[in-house]
Amino acid sequence: MNKLTKIIGVFTASIFLLLSITTSSQAGKRILFSIKGPGSGNPFWASVEKGAKEEAAKLGVDLVLVAPPQEGDVQAQINQVEDQLAKGVDAIALAPGDPNAFAPIVDDAIKSGVPVVFVDTKGINEGVTFIGTNNKNGAALAAKFICDKTPKGADVAVLTGIESQSTALLRRDGAVQGLKDCGLNLVATQTAEWDTAKGRSVTESIILKNPNIKAIFASNDNMGLGAMQALKDADMNDVVVVGFDATPDAAKSILAGEMTATIAQFSYNMGAYGVKYALELANGGTIDINIDTGTQLVTKENANDFK
């Protein structure tokens, strides 16, 4: 073997070693994905989980996916995140149950070199990317649909989610503004905390006081399905009910002629993009400050696509 062949051999080996190191730095990153509710109890979070897991498998990411035992259990979610941070992660995709409570944890993570992206619910930390739906625009889309279907001056109501969450506030504000702007009479804006049973009980109290109600916007489908049940119990079959999320149960209800419509947000994309862009940051890249996953009105015409 001559001297030139040896040099080429050493050079080639070095290139392979460098490529191996670079490749291993891209894959095998440990990404924490913390969602604010269990997928087993909510099709929306189940879809987020699916997107995250499939994207992680595609990218070769070591995904740690955690959720509190029930949505709204902020302390349990905080404990889970702090526990995983102590064990060591390369980046975090976070759907914060309470953005204010999570703010110091997010700041500490970033200071320690662990980048963070917010998914579904925007946090209050400056400069942290938000991946999710433009909730205010989505609710405005629902309000426009209600306006087109409901006589001017008619009584309408809004069911809101957990009001410490930006998602709930943005949907509430988008709907309230749209309904008022088109001349409808907003008789109630009440929280049912994203829950089907609470959606039913809150709607029961609203229709007791407002028997002439003509439309309800529910800030998620769980509450919308609960509202629908209360209306059926009261034999009120002419009330427009619009939800948000386009879950399979809501799509089936729409096709059955019960709920009138819902707003689709692409929860699978939130999971997939959360992993993809958290990895991008973990690898030293830069991403946009807002990544919109889109909204779409779902009625009887297209509900088959979501069931």
C-alpha atoms as a PDB file:
ATOM      1  CA  MET A   1       0.000   0.000   0.000  1.00  0.00           C
ATOM      2  CA  ASN A   2       1.579   3.294  -1.028  1.00  0.00           C
ATOM      3  CA  LYS A   3       1.590   6.479   0.993  1.00  0.00           C
ATOM      4  CA  LEU A   4      -1.214   8.107  -1.073  1.00  0.00           C
ATOM      5  CA  THR A   5      -3.520   5.089  -0.569  1.00  0.00           C
ATOM      6  CA  LYS A   6      -2.920   5.258   3.209  1.00  0.00           C
ATOM      7  CA  ILE A   7      -3.747   8.982   3.271  1.00  0.00           C
ATOM      8  CA  ILE A   8      -6.956   8.388   1.280  1.00  0.00           C
ATOM      9  CA  GLY A   9      -7.899   5.552   3.651  1.00  0.00           C
ATOM     10  CA  VAL A  10      -7.405   7.687   6.754  1.00  0.00           C
ATOM     11  CA  PHE A  11      -9.283  10.593   5.148  1.00  0.00           C
ATOM     12  CA  THR A  12     -12.216   8.337   4.160  1.00  0.00           C
ATOM     13  CA  ALA A  13     -12.390   6.840   7.665  1.00  0.00           C
ATOM     14  CA  SER A  14     -12.446  10.348   9.154  1.00  0.00           C
ATOM     15  CA  ILE A  15     -15.307  11.375   6.860  1.00  0.00           C
ATOM     16  CA  PHE A  16     -17.324   8.282   7.844  1.00  0.00           C
ATOM     17  CA  LEU A  17     -16.659   9.000  11.532  1.00  0.00           C
ATOM     18  CA  LEU A  18     -17.754  12.635  11.099  1.00  0.00           C
ATOM     19  CA  LEU A  19     -20.916  11.576   9.233  1.00  0.00           C
ATOM     20  CA  SER A  20     -21.677   9.030  11.945  1.00  0.00           C
ATOM     21  CA  ILE A  21     -21.333  11.645  14.692  1.00  0.00           C
ATOM     22  CA  THR A  22     -23.484  14.149  12.746  1.00  0.00           C
ATOM     23  CA  THR A  23     -26.173  11.551  12.046  1.00  0.00           C
ATOM     24  CA  SER A  24     -26.323  10.392  15.647  1.00  0.00           C
ATOM     25  CA  SER A  25     -26.666  13.987  16.805  1.00  0.00           C
ATOM     26  CA  GLN A  26     -29.781  14.371  14.610  1.00  0.00           C
ATOM     27  CA  ALA A  27     -31.497  11.208  15.805  1.00  0.00           C
ATOM     28  CA  GLY A  28     -31.810   9.827  19.308  1.00  0.00           C
ATOM     29  CA  LYS A  29     -32.673  13.204  20.828  1.00  0.00           C
ATOM     30  CA  ARG A  30     -34.862  12.929  23.906  1.00  0.00           C
ATOM     31  CA  ILE A  31     -37.962  15.091  23.419  1.00  0.00           C
ATOM     32  CA  LEU A  32     -40.473  15.625  26.225  1.00  0.00           C
ATOM     33  CA  PHE A  33     -44.047  16.165  25.010  1.00  0.00           C
ATOM     34  CA  SER A  34     -46.347  17.271  27.826  1.00  0.00           C
ATOM     35  CA  ILE A  35     -50.057  17.547  27.029  1.00  0.00           C
ATOM     36  CA  LYS A  36     -52.629  18.927  29.452  1.00  0.00           C
ATOM     37  CA  GLY A  37     -55.147  16.083  29.304  1.00  0.00           C
ATOM     38  CA  PRO A  38     -55.121  12.299  28.817  1.00  0.00           C
ATOM     39  CA  GLY A  39     -55.775  10.980  25.322  1.00  0.00           C
ATOM     40  CA  SER A  40     -57.934   8.182  26.738  1.00  0.00           C
ATOM     41  CA  GLY A  41     -60.612  10.669  27.788  1.00  0.00           C
ATOM     42  CA  ASN A  42     -60.548  13.064  24.841  1.00  0.00           C
ATOM     43  CA  PRO A  43     -60.259  12.273  21.108  1.00  0.00           C
ATOM     44  CA  PHE A  44     -58.495  15.606  20.563  1.00  0.00           C
ATOM     45  CA  TRP A  45     -55.569  14.664  22.825  1.00  0.00           C
ATOM     46  CA  ALA A  46     -55.572  11.126  21.442  1.00  0.00           C
ATOM     47  CA  SER A  47     -54.994  12.641  17.994  1.00  0.00           C
ATOM     48  CA  VAL A  48     -52.200  14.911  19.309  1.00  0.00           C
ATOM     49  CA  GLU A  49     -50.553  11.845  20.879  1.00  0.00           C
ATOM     50  CA  LYS A  50     -50.825   9.895  17.611  1.00  0.00           C
ATOM     51  CA  GLY A  51     -49.205  12.700  15.615  1.00  0.00           C
ATOM     52  CA  ALA A  52     -46.377  13.042  18.140  1.00  0.00           C
ATOM     53  CA  LYS A  53     -45.653   9.307  18.287  1.00  0.00           C
ATOM     54  CA  GLU A  54     -45.693   8.788  14.521  1.00  0.00           C
ATOM     55  CA  GLU A  55     -43.458  11.812  13.854  1.00  0.00           C
ATOM     56  CA  ALA A  56     -41.044  10.686  16.601  1.00  0.00           C
ATOM     57  CA  ALA A  57     -40.831   7.216  15.043  1.00  0.00           C
ATOM     58  CA  LYS A  58     -40.188   8.745  11.609  1.00  0.00           C
ATOM     59  CA  LEU A  59     -37.419  11.017  12.918  1.00  0.00           C
ATOM     60  CA  GLY A  60     -35.825   8.489  15.282  1.00  0.00           C
ATOM     61  CA  VAL A  61     -36.624  10.638  18.316  1.00  0.00           C
ATOM     62  CA  ASP A  62     -36.736   9.250  21.864  1.00  0.00           C
ATOM     63  CA  LEU A  63     -40.188  10.609  22.771  1.00  0.00           C
ATOM     64  CA  VAL A  64     -41.336  10.945  26.381  1.00  0.00           C
ATOM     65  CA  LEU A  65     -45.063  11.687  26.270  1.00  0.00           C
ATOM     66  CA  VAL A  66     -46.784  12.595  29.544  1.00  0.00           C
ATOM     67  CA  ALA A  67     -50.236  13.804  30.580  1.00  0.00           C
ATOM     68  CA  PRO A  68     -51.905  14.458  33.951  1.00  0.00           C
ATOM     69  CA  PRO A  69     -54.639  12.036  35.086  1.00  0.00           C
ATOM     70  CA  GLN A  70     -57.299  14.593  34.138  1.00  0.00           C
ATOM     71  CA  GLU A  71     -57.394  17.843  32.194  1.00  0.00           C
ATOM     72  CA  GLY A  72     -57.004  20.843  34.478  1.00  0.00           C
ATOM     73  CA  ASP A  73     -54.752  19.043  36.994  1.00  0.00           C
ATOM     74  CA  VAL A  74     -52.025  21.649  36.592  1.00  0.00           C
ATOM     75  CA  GLN A  75     -49.952  20.565  39.582  1.00  0.00           C
ATOM     76  CA  ALA A  76     -49.735  16.991  38.292  1.00  0.00           C
ATOM     77  CA  GLN A  77     -48.586  18.295  34.893  1.00  0.00           C
ATOM     78  CA  ILE A  78     -45.977  20.541  36.530  1.00  0.00           C
ATOM     79  CA  ASN A  79     -44.672  17.613  38.599  1.00  0.00           C
ATOM     80  CA  GLN A  80     -44.357  15.458  35.468  1.00  0.00           C
ATOM     81  CA  VAL A  81     -42.422  18.124  33.566  1.00  0.00           C
ATOM     82  CA  GLU A  82     -40.073  18.867  36.463  1.00  0.00           C
ATOM     83  CA  ASP A  83     -39.434  15.146  36.938  1.00  0.00           C
ATOM     84  CA  GLN A  84     -38.484  14.675  33.273  1.00  0.00           C
ATOM     85  CA  LEU A  85     -36.333  17.815  33.248  1.00  0.00           C
ATOM     86  CA  ALA A  86     -34.404  16.398  36.203  1.00  0.00           C
ATOM     87  CA  LYS A  87     -33.852  13.169  34.247  1.00  0.00           C
ATOM     88  CA  GLY A  88     -32.606  15.139  31.245  1.00  0.00           C
ATOM     89  CA  VAL A  89     -34.272  16.028  27.922  1.00  0.00           C
ATOM     90  CA  ASP A  90     -33.050  17.805  24.789  1.00  0.00           C
ATOM     91  CA  ALA A  91     -36.226  19.835  24.110  1.00  0.00           C
ATOM     92  CA  ILE A  92     -39.806  20.225  25.295  1.00  0.00           C
ATOM     93  CA  ALA A  93     -43.107  20.458  23.414  1.00  0.00           C
ATOM     94  CA  LEU A  94     -45.583  21.768  25.986  1.00  0.00           C
ATOM     95  CA  ALA A  95     -49.360  22.234  26.010  1.00  0.00           C
ATOM     96  CA  PRO A  96     -49.542  24.150  29.316  1.00  0.00           C
ATOM     97  CA  GLY A  97     -52.573  23.614  31.552  1.00  0.00           C
ATOM     98  CA  ASP A  98     -51.877  27.039  33.070  1.00  0.00           C
ATOM     99  CA  PRO A  99     -49.458  29.285  31.130  1.00  0.00           C
ATOM    100  CA  ASN A 100     -48.801  31.494  34.173  1.00  0.00           C
ATOM    101  CA  ALA A 101     -47.909  28.557  36.422  1.00  0.00           C
ATOM    102  CA  PHE A 102     -45.583  27.128  33.765  1.00  0.00           C
ATOM    103  CA  ALA A 103     -43.807  30.418  32.946  1.00  0.00           C
ATOM    104  CA  PRO A 104     -40.945  30.079  35.495  1.00  0.00           C
ATOM    105  CA  ILE A 105     -40.384  26.407  34.580  1.00  0.00           C
ATOM    106  CA  VAL A 106     -40.149  27.313  30.888  1.00  0.00           C
ATOM    107  CA  ASP A 107     -37.713  30.149  31.669  1.00  0.00           C
ATOM    108  CA  ASP A 108     -35.527  27.800  33.737  1.00  0.00           C
ATOM    109  CA  ALA A 109     -35.542  25.140  31.017  1.00  0.00           C
ATOM    110  CA  ILE A 110     -34.460  27.615  28.342  1.00  0.00           C
ATOM    111  CA  LYS A 111     -31.723  29.042  30.594  1.00  0.00           C
ATOM    112  CA  SER A 112     -30.394  25.518  31.122  1.00  0.00           C
ATOM    113  CA  GLY A 113     -30.186  24.989  27.355  1.00  0.00           C
ATOM    114  CA  VAL A 114     -33.433  23.063  26.831  1.00  0.00           C
ATOM    115  CA  PRO A 115     -35.513  24.758  24.096  1.00  0.00           C
ATOM    116  CA  VAL A 116     -39.314  24.840  24.406  1.00  0.00           C
ATOM    117  CA  VAL A 117     -42.226  25.104  21.971  1.00  0.00           C
ATOM    118  CA  PHE A 118     -45.828  25.672  23.044  1.00  0.00           C
ATOM    119  CA  VAL A 119     -48.468  23.430  21.464  1.00  0.00           C
ATOM    120  CA  ASP A 120     -52.244  24.115  21.370  1.00  0.00           C
ATOM    121  CA  THR A 121     -52.114  26.711  24.186  1.00  0.00           C
ATOM    122  CA  LYS A 122     -49.857  29.738  23.956  1.00  0.00           C
ATOM    123  CA  GLY A 123     -47.660  30.473  26.964  1.00  0.00           C
ATOM    124  CA  ILE A 124     -46.708  33.901  28.283  1.00  0.00           C
ATOM    125  CA  ASN A 125     -42.929  33.504  27.850  1.00  0.00           C
ATOM    126  CA  GLU A 126     -41.457  35.941  25.335  1.00  0.00           C
ATOM    127  CA  GLY A 127     -39.872  34.527  22.214  1.00  0.00           C
ATOM    128  CA  VAL A 128     -41.209  30.965  22.535  1.00  0.00           C
ATOM    129  CA  THR A 129     -42.807  29.518  19.388  1.00  0.00           C
ATOM    130  CA  PHE A 130     -46.525  28.686  19.428  1.00  0.00           C
ATOM    131  CA  ILE A 131     -47.703  25.731  17.333  1.00  0.00           C
ATOM    132  CA  GLY A 132     -51.464  25.460  17.019  1.00  0.00           C
ATOM    133  CA  THR A 133     -54.771  26.821  15.894  1.00  0.00           C
ATOM    134  CA  ASN A 134     -55.594  30.492  15.521  1.00  0.00           C
ATOM    135  CA  ASN A 135     -58.363  30.005  18.085  1.00  0.00           C
ATOM    136  CA  LYS A 136     -59.870  33.471  17.779  1.00  0.00           C
ATOM    137  CA  ASN A 137     -60.272  33.110  14.001  1.00  0.00           C
ATOM    138  CA  GLY A 138     -61.729  29.619  14.424  1.00  0.00           C
ATOM    139  CA  ALA A 139     -64.337  30.882  16.898  1.00  0.00           C
ATOM    140  CA  ALA A 140     -65.139  33.811  14.612  1.00  0.00           C
ATOM    141  CA  LEU A 141     -65.776  31.264  11.839  1.00  0.00           C
ATOM    142  CA  ALA A 142     -68.230  29.477  14.163  1.00  0.00           C
ATOM    143  CA  ALA A 143     -69.917  32.783  15.044  1.00  0.00           C
ATOM    144  CA  LYS A 144     -70.356  33.681  11.365  1.00  0.00           C
ATOM    145  CA  PHE A 145     -72.015  30.321  10.729  1.00  0.00           C
ATOM    146  CA  ILE A 146     -74.374  30.891  13.691  1.00  0.00           C
ATOM    147  CA  CYS A 147     -75.155  34.412  12.444  1.00  0.00           C
ATOM    148  CA  ASP A 148     -76.089  33.036   9.011  1.00  0.00           C
ATOM    149  CA  LYS A 149     -78.382  30.401  10.560  1.00  0.00           C
ATOM    150  CA  THR A 150     -80.038  32.466  13.320  1.00  0.00           C
ATOM    151  CA  PRO A 151     -82.571  35.346  13.144  1.00  0.00           C
ATOM    152  CA  LYS A 152     -81.157  38.754  14.055  1.00  0.00           C
ATOM    153  CA  GLY A 153     -81.804  39.673  17.708  1.00  0.00           C
ATOM    154  CA  ALA A 154     -82.212  36.027  18.772  1.00  0.00           C
ATOM    155  CA  ASP A 155     -80.929  34.795  22.155  1.00  0.00           C
ATOM    156  CA  VAL A 156     -77.626  32.910  21.987  1.00  0.00           C
ATOM    157  CA  ALA A 157     -75.094  31.555  24.502  1.00  0.00           C
ATOM    158  CA  VAL A 158     -71.406  30.638  24.681  1.00  0.00           C
ATOM    159  CA  LEU A 159     -69.877  27.784  26.688  1.00  0.00           C
ATOM    160  CA  THR A 160     -66.229  28.437  27.486  1.00  0.00           C
ATOM    161  CA  GLY A 161     -63.380  26.185  28.584  1.00  0.00           C
ATOM    162  CA  ILE A 162     -61.049  26.525  31.584  1.00  0.00           C
ATOM    163  CA  GLU A 163     -60.552  30.264  31.704  1.00  0.00           C
ATOM    164  CA  SER A 164     -56.953  30.235  32.925  1.00  0.00           C
ATOM    165  CA  GLN A 165     -56.070  28.860  29.463  1.00  0.00           C
ATOM    166  CA  SER A 166     -55.479  31.133  26.476  1.00  0.00           C
ATOM    167  CA  THR A 167     -57.276  28.625  24.224  1.00  0.00           C
ATOM    168  CA  ALA A 168     -60.514  29.129  26.168  1.00  0.00           C
ATOM    169  CA  LEU A 169     -60.176  32.919  26.273  1.00  0.00           C
ATOM    170  CA  LEU A 170     -59.400  33.300  22.565  1.00  0.00           C
ATOM    171  CA  ARG A 171     -62.314  31.083  21.524  1.00  0.00           C
ATOM    172  CA  ARG A 172     -64.633  32.912  23.895  1.00  0.00           C
ATOM    173  CA  ASP A 173     -63.526  36.338  22.637  1.00  0.00           C
ATOM    174  CA  GLY A 174     -63.720  35.374  18.963  1.00  0.00           C
ATOM    175  CA  ALA A 175     -67.232  33.986  19.378  1.00  0.00           C
ATOM    176  CA  VAL A 176     -68.564  36.792  21.576  1.00  0.00           C
ATOM    177  CA  GLN A 177     -67.290  39.475  19.203  1.00  0.00           C
ATOM    178  CA  GLY A 178     -68.716  37.749  16.129  1.00  0.00           C
ATOM    179  CA  LEU A 179     -72.120  37.070  17.678  1.00  0.00           C
ATOM    180  CA  LYS A 180     -72.504  40.628  18.956  1.00  0.00           C
ATOM    181  CA  ASP A 181     -71.305  42.176  15.692  1.00  0.00           C
ATOM    182  CA  CYS A 182     -74.081  40.495  13.712  1.00  0.00           C
ATOM    183  CA  GLY A 183     -76.796  41.647  16.123  1.00  0.00           C
ATOM    184  CA  LEU A 184     -77.483  38.519  18.170  1.00  0.00           C
ATOM    185  CA  ASN A 185     -78.450  38.807  21.854  1.00  0.00           C
ATOM    186  CA  LEU A 186     -75.811  37.077  24.004  1.00  0.00           C
ATOM    187  CA  VAL A 187     -77.703  35.952  27.128  1.00  0.00           C
ATOM    188  CA  ALA A 188     -74.980  33.801  28.760  1.00  0.00           C
ATOM    189  CA  THR A 189     -71.234  33.198  28.627  1.00  0.00           C
ATOM    190  CA  GLN A 190     -70.402  30.428  31.093  1.00  0.00           C
ATOM    191  CA  THR A 191     -67.587  27.977  31.610  1.00  0.00           C
ATOM    192  CA  ALA A 192     -68.196  24.234  31.440  1.00  0.00           C
ATOM    193  CA  GLU A 193     -64.464  23.494  31.738  1.00  0.00           C
ATOM    194  CA  TRP A 194     -64.188  21.461  28.503  1.00  0.00           C
ATOM    195  CA  ASP A 195     -66.320  18.701  30.073  1.00  0.00           C
ATOM    196  CA  THR A 196     -69.339  16.882  28.570  1.00  0.00           C
ATOM    197  CA  ALA A 197     -71.246  16.434  31.841  1.00  0.00           C
ATOM    198  CA  LYS A 198     -70.637  20.072  32.801  1.00  0.00           C
ATOM    199  CA  GLY A 199     -71.658  21.171  29.304  1.00  0.00           C
ATOM    200  CA  ARG A 200     -74.965  19.425  29.890  1.00  0.00           C
ATOM    201  CA  SER A 201     -75.583  20.853  33.377  1.00  0.00           C
ATOM    202  CA  VAL A 202     -74.562  24.412  32.448  1.00  0.00           C
ATOM    203  CA  THR A 203     -76.809  24.297  29.369  1.00  0.00           C
ATOM    204  CA  GLU A 204     -79.704  23.041  31.524  1.00  0.00           C
ATOM    205  CA  SER A 205     -79.373  26.131  33.730  1.00  0.00           C
ATOM    206  CA  ILE A 206     -79.027  28.461  30.711  1.00  0.00           C
ATOM    207  CA  ILE A 207     -82.163  27.168  28.952  1.00  0.00           C
ATOM    208  CA  LEU A 208     -84.129  27.258  32.191  1.00  0.00           C
ATOM    209  CA  LYS A 209     -83.552  31.024  32.340  1.00  0.00           C
ATOM    210  CA  ASN A 210     -83.625  31.550  28.551  1.00  0.00           C
ATOM    211  CA  PRO A 211     -86.243  29.214  27.036  1.00  0.00           C
ATOM    212  CA  ASN A 212     -86.186  31.072  23.688  1.00  0.00           C
ATOM    213  CA  ILE A 213     -82.490  30.450  23.035  1.00  0.00           C
ATOM    214  CA  LYS A 214     -81.740  29.812  19.349  1.00  0.00           C
ATOM    215  CA  ALA A 215     -78.021  28.986  19.247  1.00  0.00           C
ATOM    216  CA  ILE A 216     -75.108  27.822  21.423  1.00  0.00           C
ATOM    217  CA  PHE A 217     -71.414  28.000  20.634  1.00  0.00           C
ATOM    218  CA  ALA A 218     -69.450  25.456  22.675  1.00  0.00           C
ATOM    219  CA  SER A 219     -65.696  26.040  22.805  1.00  0.00           C
ATOM    220  CA  ASN A 220     -65.041  22.318  22.395  1.00  0.00           C
ATOM    221  CA  ASP A 221     -67.047  19.337  21.146  1.00  0.00           C
ATOM    222  CA  ASN A 222     -67.251  17.676  24.548  1.00  0.00           C
ATOM    223  CA  MET A 223     -69.248  20.632  25.864  1.00  0.00           C
ATOM    224  CA  GLY A 224     -71.209  20.832  22.613  1.00  0.00           C
ATOM    225  CA  LEU A 225     -72.302  17.205  22.944  1.00  0.00           C
ATOM    226  CA  GLY A 226     -73.286  17.883  26.553  1.00  0.00           C
ATOM    227  CA  ALA A 227     -75.302  20.927  25.453  1.00  0.00           C
ATOM    228  CA  MET A 228     -76.977  18.809  22.777  1.00  0.00           C
ATOM    229  CA  GLN A 229     -78.042  16.274  25.405  1.00  0.00           C
ATOM    230  CA  ALA A 230     -79.583  19.012  27.586  1.00  0.00           C
ATOM    231  CA  LEU A 231     -81.485  20.383  24.589  1.00  0.00           C
ATOM    232  CA  LYS A 232     -82.777  16.919  23.648  1.00  0.00           C
ATOM    233  CA  ASP A 233     -83.910  16.380  27.265  1.00  0.00           C
ATOM    234  CA  ALA A 234     -85.823  19.679  27.069  1.00  0.00           C
ATOM    235  CA  ASP A 235     -87.303  18.723  23.673  1.00  0.00           C
ATOM    236  CA  MET A 236     -85.654  21.783  22.065  1.00  0.00           C
ATOM    237  CA  ASN A 237     -84.781  20.501  18.605  1.00  0.00           C
ATOM    238  CA  ASP A 238     -84.434  23.762  16.687  1.00  0.00           C
ATOM    239  CA  VAL A 239     -81.355  25.183  18.485  1.00  0.00           C
ATOM    240  CA  VAL A 240     -78.162  25.618  16.439  1.00  0.00           C
ATOM    241  CA  VAL A 241     -75.220  24.027  18.296  1.00  0.00           C
ATOM    242  CA  VAL A 242     -71.676  24.578  17.040  1.00  0.00           C
ATOM    243  CA  GLY A 243     -68.655  22.957  18.697  1.00  0.00           C
ATOM    244  CA  PHE A 244     -64.915  23.130  18.187  1.00  0.00           C
ATOM    245  CA  ASP A 245     -62.360  20.320  17.476  1.00  0.00           C
ATOM    246  CA  ALA A 246     -64.224  18.127  14.941  1.00  0.00           C
ATOM    247  CA  THR A 247     -63.875  14.986  17.063  1.00  0.00           C
ATOM    248  CA  PRO A 248     -65.287  11.732  15.627  1.00  0.00           C
ATOM    249  CA  ASP A 249     -68.184  11.850  18.115  1.00  0.00           C
ATOM    250  CA  ALA A 250     -69.080  15.383  17.004  1.00  0.00           C
ATOM    251  CA  ALA A 251     -68.899  14.384  13.322  1.00  0.00           C
ATOM    252  CA  LYS A 252     -71.267  11.461  14.004  1.00  0.00           C
ATOM    253  CA  SER A 253     -73.647  13.775  15.886  1.00  0.00           C
ATOM    254  CA  ILE A 254     -73.683  16.214  12.950  1.00  0.00           C
ATOM    255  CA  LEU A 255     -74.363  13.397  10.478  1.00  0.00           C
ATOM    256  CA  ALA A 256     -77.213  12.208  12.734  1.00  0.00           C
ATOM    257  CA  GLY A 257     -78.809  15.672  12.528  1.00  0.00           C
ATOM    258  CA  GLU A 258     -78.063  16.631  16.139  1.00  0.00           C
ATOM    259  CA  MET A 259     -75.127  19.061  16.497  1.00  0.00           C
ATOM    260  CA  THR A 260     -75.221  21.544  13.627  1.00  0.00           C
ATOM    261  CA  ALA A 261     -71.529  22.125  12.998  1.00  0.00           C
ATOM    262  CA  THR A 262     -68.065  22.191  14.497  1.00  0.00           C
ATOM    263  CA  ILE A 263     -64.710  23.788  13.773  1.00  0.00           C
ATOM    264  CA  ALA A 264     -61.933  21.413  12.775  1.00  0.00           C
ATOM    265  CA  GLN A 265     -58.488  22.039  14.087  1.00  0.00           C
ATOM    266  CA  PHE A 266     -55.776  19.713  12.990  1.00  0.00           C
ATOM    267  CA  SER A 267     -54.746  18.137  16.265  1.00  0.00           C
ATOM    268  CA  TYR A 268     -52.640  15.419  14.604  1.00  0.00           C
ATOM    269  CA  ASN A 269     -50.489  18.193  13.086  1.00  0.00           C
ATOM    270  CA  MET A 270     -50.017  19.756  16.517  1.00  0.00           C
ATOM    271  CA  GLY A 271     -48.476  16.524  17.774  1.00  0.00           C
ATOM    272  CA  ALA A 272     -46.358  15.966  14.674  1.00  0.00           C
ATOM    273  CA  TYR A 273     -45.206  19.598  14.397  1.00  0.00           C
ATOM    274  CA  GLY A 274     -44.500  19.747  18.138  1.00  0.00           C
ATOM    275  CA  VAL A 275     -41.969  16.928  17.789  1.00  0.00           C
ATOM    276  CA  LYS A 276     -40.585  18.146  14.457  1.00  0.00           C
ATOM    277  CA  TYR A 277     -39.919  21.721  15.557  1.00  0.00           C
ATOM    278  CA  ALA A 278     -38.736  20.837  19.072  1.00  0.00           C
ATOM    279  CA  LEU A 279     -36.149  18.606  17.377  1.00  0.00           C
ATOM    280  CA  GLU A 280     -35.204  21.428  15.015  1.00  0.00           C
ATOM    281  CA  LEU A 281     -34.437  23.640  18.033  1.00  0.00           C
ATOM    282  CA  ALA A 282     -32.619  20.824  19.841  1.00  0.00           C
ATOM    283  CA  ASN A 283     -30.351  20.542  16.797  1.00  0.00           C
ATOM    284  CA  GLY A 284     -29.561  24.270  16.932  1.00  0.00           C
ATOM    285  CA  GLY A 285     -31.963  25.399  14.199  1.00  0.00           C
ATOM    286  CA  THR A 286     -34.380  28.336  14.142  1.00  0.00           C
ATOM    287  CA  ILE A 287     -38.158  28.250  13.567  1.00  0.00           C
ATOM    288  CA  ASP A 288     -41.004  30.752  13.099  1.00  0.00           C
ATOM    289  CA  ILE A 289     -42.535  32.295  16.218  1.00  0.00           C
ATOM    290  CA  ASN A 290     -46.076  31.230  15.136  1.00  0.00           C
ATOM    291  CA  ILE A 291     -46.866  28.002  13.288  1.00  0.00           C
ATOM    292  CA  ASP A 292     -50.584  27.844  12.399  1.00  0.00           C
ATOM    293  CA  THR A 293     -52.063  24.351  12.068  1.00  0.00           C
ATOM    294  CA  GLY A 294     -55.303  25.658  10.464  1.00  0.00           C
ATOM    295  CA  THR A 295     -59.103  25.597  10.978  1.00  0.00           C
ATOM    296  CA  GLN A 296     -62.080  24.486   8.867  1.00  0.00           C
ATOM    297  CA  LEU A 297     -65.875  24.616   9.219  1.00  0.00           C
ATOM    298  CA  VAL A 298     -67.405  21.116   9.432  1.00  0.00           C
ATOM    299  CA  THR A 299     -71.082  20.620   8.568  1.00  0.00           C
ATOM    300  CA  LYS A 300     -73.174  17.716   7.276  1.00  0.00           C
ATOM    301  CA  GLU A 301     -71.564  18.214   3.862  1.00  0.00           C
ATOM    302  CA  ASN A 302     -68.035  17.273   4.982  1.00  0.00           C
ATOM    303  CA  ALA A 303     -68.496  15.608   8.409  1.00  0.00           C
ATOM    304  CA  ASN A 304     -67.801  12.170   6.892  1.00  0.00           C
ATOM    305  CA  ASP A 305     -64.157  13.254   6.596  1.00  0.00           C
ATOM    306  CA  PHE A 306     -63.881  13.573  10.382  1.00  0.00           C
ATOM    307  CA  LYS A 307     -65.877  10.681  11.843  1.00  0.00           C
END
